[in-house]
Protein backbone atom coordinates (compact mmCIF):
# COMPACT_ATOMS: atom_id res chain seq x y z
CA MET A 1 198.03 41.22 138.73
CA PRO A 2 196.89 40.30 135.21
CA GLY A 3 193.31 41.15 134.39
CA SER A 4 193.07 43.66 137.29
CA HIS A 5 191.79 47.15 136.59
CA THR A 6 194.09 49.10 138.94
CA ASP A 7 195.07 51.37 136.04
CA ARG A 8 191.51 52.66 135.89
CA GLY A 9 191.71 54.29 139.31
CA GLU A 10 190.80 53.43 142.93
CA LEU A 11 187.05 54.09 142.33
CA HIS A 12 186.83 51.61 139.41
CA GLY A 13 183.67 49.48 139.84
CA ILE A 14 182.34 51.44 142.78
CA THR A 15 178.91 53.13 142.65
CA VAL A 16 179.63 56.89 142.97
CA VAL A 17 177.80 60.18 143.20
CA LEU A 18 179.19 62.63 140.68
CA ASP A 19 178.01 66.22 141.38
CA THR A 20 178.42 68.74 138.57
CA ILE A 21 178.95 72.47 138.79
CA GLY A 22 175.60 72.77 137.04
CA ASP A 23 172.17 71.51 138.01
CA GLU A 24 172.83 67.81 137.33
CA VAL A 25 173.99 64.97 139.62
CA PHE A 26 174.82 61.48 138.40
CA ILE A 27 174.93 58.18 140.13
CA GLY A 28 176.63 55.17 138.46
CA ARG A 29 179.47 52.76 138.52
CA TYR A 30 182.77 54.55 138.04
CA PHE A 31 184.58 53.10 135.10
CA GLU A 32 187.50 55.45 134.31
CA GLU A 33 188.66 58.91 133.50
CA ARG A 34 189.48 59.64 129.88
CA ASP A 35 190.47 62.77 127.98
CA ALA A 36 186.82 63.35 127.30
CA GLY A 37 185.93 63.16 130.96
CA VAL A 38 184.71 60.77 133.67
CA VAL A 39 182.98 57.61 132.44
CA LEU A 40 180.16 56.09 134.45
CA LEU A 41 178.22 52.91 133.71
CA ASP A 42 174.60 52.02 134.62
CA VAL A 43 173.78 55.70 135.25
CA ASP A 44 170.89 57.49 136.86
CA PHE A 45 170.75 61.27 137.02
CA HIS A 46 168.73 64.09 138.48
CA HIS A 47 168.21 67.78 137.64
CA ASP A 48 168.17 70.05 140.69
CA GLY A 49 164.56 71.01 141.46
CA ALA A 50 162.98 68.29 139.29
CA GLU A 51 159.98 66.66 140.89
CA GLY A 52 160.36 69.18 143.74
CA ARG A 53 163.64 67.52 144.94
CA SER A 54 167.05 69.07 145.23
CA LYS A 55 170.20 67.20 144.21
CA ALA A 56 170.83 66.49 147.91
CA ASP A 57 167.36 65.04 148.42
CA TYR A 58 167.79 62.80 145.38
CA VAL A 59 171.19 61.51 146.52
CA ARG A 60 169.91 60.80 150.05
CA SER A 61 167.02 58.86 148.56
CA ALA A 62 169.33 56.86 146.25
CA ALA A 63 171.57 56.06 149.22
CA GLN A 64 168.62 54.62 151.10
CA TYR A 65 166.63 52.98 148.32
CA GLY A 66 169.03 52.66 145.39
CA GLN A 67 168.80 54.22 141.92
CA TRP A 68 167.27 53.21 138.61
CA LYS A 69 169.49 52.97 135.57
CA LYS A 70 168.47 55.44 132.92
CA LEU A 71 171.57 55.20 130.71
CA ASP A 72 174.07 52.40 129.99
CA SER A 73 176.94 54.85 130.14
CA LYS A 74 177.65 58.60 130.42
CA THR A 75 180.83 60.59 130.03
CA ILE A 76 180.82 63.83 132.07
CA PRO A 77 183.39 66.41 130.97
CA ARG A 78 186.03 66.87 133.74
CA GLU A 79 185.56 70.64 133.80
CA GLN A 80 181.89 69.97 134.81
CA VAL A 81 182.73 67.73 137.74
CA ARG A 82 182.42 69.39 141.21
CA SER A 83 182.98 66.16 143.22
CA ILE A 84 183.00 62.39 143.01
CA LYS A 85 182.42 60.18 146.13
CA PRO A 86 181.27 56.69 146.76
CA LEU A 87 177.46 56.45 147.24
CA ALA A 88 178.18 54.26 150.33
CA ASP A 89 179.75 57.30 151.92
CA ILE A 90 176.44 59.21 151.82
CA GLY A 91 174.31 58.88 154.92
CA ALA A 92 170.80 57.70 154.18
CA VAL A 93 168.15 59.67 156.05
C-alpha cells in the first residue's frame, strides 16, 4: 500500500518500552531500526534507582499514568538493547 510504513517494522508507531543492558530504560514511539540502532520518537527515560525507583517501578507507573516526553528522538545502539515490547503489554499495578 503506498504511503504505508510496513518497511519500518511491525512496531512502527507503537509506544514501546526499550530496556537496555545498562541502567537505562526508554519509553517512546518506535520509529525504525537503522545501522546506528533503534530510533524512538517522543522519548522518556529513567535511570535505575533514580528518585528511589527501579526501572520496573518506572515502567509500571508509565503503563498506568503515561510518560512525559523528555526528548524528541533518541537512537539506542542495538548492542545496548536488552528487550523491546509494547507499553500496552505491561500490566499496570
